Amino acid sequence: MADIEAQFDQAMLQIYQRAKKEAKYQANDFLGMLMSNRGVRTAKTLINSKTESSGYAKLSELGRLDLTVEALVTEDTRWHVLFTDEELERARLRLKKYRYEPKNS
């Protein structure tokens, strides 16, 4: 499991880097969480939050929900083993609420 968690850490860092490069959005709070808590814990914190993060809202405004944690965990089945069915459903519903249809879900 440690190997997949390390791969997920990299995937999380990549969405930060892509948001910075492609959307011109520097998600410093997200990066701080990632550096302190690693990928899985950061993702679970964000997905299980009752409200969307400010970063999620900003990416929504920019039309880039594809760069959210919710999209990352729902669209790539490799990560599904790291999350409960409830967390995956919560992520899907949040994306749907913002009219984003996850690919491959």
Protein backbone atom coordinates (compact mmCIF):
# COMPACT_ATOMS: atom_id res chain seq x y z
CA MET A 1 0.00 0.00 0.00
CA ALA A 2 2.93 2.33 0.65
CA ASP A 3 3.84 2.30 -3.05
CA ILE A 4 0.38 3.38 -4.19
CA GLU A 5 0.32 6.08 -1.51
CA ALA A 6 3.65 7.42 -2.79
CA GLN A 7 2.24 7.42 -6.32
CA PHE A 8 -0.82 9.28 -5.06
CA ASP A 9 1.44 11.85 -3.36
CA GLN A 10 2.99 12.49 -6.77
CA ALA A 11 -0.41 12.75 -8.47
CA MET A 12 -1.52 15.29 -5.87
CA LEU A 13 1.64 17.33 -6.40
CA GLN A 14 1.02 17.20 -10.14
CA ILE A 15 -2.47 18.71 -9.85
CA TYR A 16 -0.93 21.53 -7.76
CA GLN A 17 1.71 22.10 -10.45
CA ARG A 18 -0.83 21.92 -13.27
CA ALA A 19 -3.13 24.42 -11.52
CA LYS A 20 -0.18 26.79 -11.15
CA LYS A 21 0.94 26.40 -14.77
CA GLU A 22 -2.31 25.89 -16.68
CA ALA A 23 -4.80 27.90 -14.61
CA LYS A 24 -2.37 30.45 -13.16
CA TYR A 25 -3.62 29.46 -9.71
CA GLN A 26 -1.11 28.99 -6.94
CA ALA A 27 -2.79 26.89 -4.27
CA ASN A 28 -0.44 27.60 -1.37
CA ASP A 29 -2.79 26.25 1.30
CA PHE A 30 -3.18 23.00 -0.64
CA LEU A 31 0.59 22.67 -1.04
CA GLY A 32 1.07 23.28 2.67
CA MET A 33 -1.45 20.57 3.51
CA LEU A 34 0.22 18.23 1.08
CA MET A 35 3.69 18.81 2.52
CA SER A 36 2.46 18.38 6.10
CA ASN A 37 -0.01 15.54 5.68
CA ARG A 38 0.87 13.84 2.39
CA GLY A 39 -1.66 13.04 -0.31
CA VAL A 40 -4.18 10.61 1.14
CA ARG A 41 -4.75 12.50 4.37
CA THR A 42 -5.01 15.82 2.50
CA ALA A 43 -7.51 14.36 0.03
CA LYS A 44 -9.61 12.78 2.76
CA THR A 45 -9.67 16.06 4.70
CA LEU A 46 -10.85 17.99 1.65
CA ILE A 47 -13.36 15.39 0.45
CA ASN A 48 -14.88 14.91 3.91
CA SER A 49 -15.22 18.63 4.59
CA LYS A 50 -18.85 19.73 4.79
CA THR A 51 -18.12 22.64 2.46
CA GLU A 52 -15.93 23.11 -0.56
CA SER A 53 -12.49 24.58 0.04
CA SER A 54 -11.62 28.05 -1.24
CA GLY A 55 -9.30 26.33 -3.72
CA TYR A 56 -12.16 24.22 -5.05
CA ALA A 57 -14.28 27.35 -5.45
CA LYS A 58 -11.45 29.14 -7.27
CA LEU A 59 -10.87 26.23 -9.64
CA SER A 60 -14.61 26.17 -10.30
CA GLU A 61 -14.53 29.89 -11.18
CA LEU A 62 -11.62 29.20 -13.52
CA GLY A 63 -13.51 26.34 -15.18
CA ARG A 64 -10.87 23.85 -14.06
CA LEU A 65 -12.60 21.36 -11.78
CA ASP A 66 -10.50 18.76 -13.57
CA LEU A 67 -7.65 19.95 -11.32
CA THR A 68 -9.48 19.24 -8.05
CA VAL A 69 -8.81 16.44 -5.62
CA GLU A 70 -12.37 15.25 -6.22
CA ALA A 71 -11.72 14.82 -9.94
CA LEU A 72 -8.38 13.14 -9.32
CA VAL A 73 -9.78 10.48 -7.01
CA THR A 74 -12.92 9.75 -9.01
CA GLU A 75 -11.45 9.74 -12.50
CA ASP A 76 -8.48 7.43 -11.93
CA THR A 77 -9.48 4.02 -10.62
CA ARG A 78 -5.96 3.38 -9.31
CA TRP A 79 -6.77 5.63 -6.36
CA HIS A 80 -10.10 4.06 -5.44
CA VAL A 81 -8.45 1.56 -3.05
CA LEU A 82 -7.27 4.51 -0.94
CA PHE A 83 -10.79 5.79 -0.27
CA THR A 84 -14.05 4.45 1.08
CA ASP A 85 -17.08 4.09 -1.17
CA GLU A 86 -18.67 6.95 0.79
CA GLU A 87 -15.70 9.25 0.13
CA LEU A 88 -15.73 8.45 -3.57
CA GLU A 89 -19.46 9.13 -3.72
CA ARG A 90 -19.04 12.39 -1.79
CA ALA A 91 -16.39 13.50 -4.30
CA ARG A 92 -18.64 12.58 -7.26
CA LEU A 93 -21.60 14.42 -5.79
CA ARG A 94 -19.56 17.55 -5.15
CA LEU A 95 -18.38 17.57 -8.75
CA LYS A 96 -21.92 16.94 -9.99
CA LYS A 97 -23.21 19.82 -7.85
CA TYR A 98 -20.87 22.08 -9.83
CA ARG A 99 -21.95 20.52 -13.14
CA TYR A 100 -18.71 18.62 -13.71
CA GLU A 101 -19.11 15.08 -14.95
CA PRO A 102 -16.14 12.97 -13.88
CA LYS A 103 -14.51 11.01 -16.68
CA ASN A 104 -14.45 7.23 -16.26
CA SER A 105 -16.74 7.16 -13.23
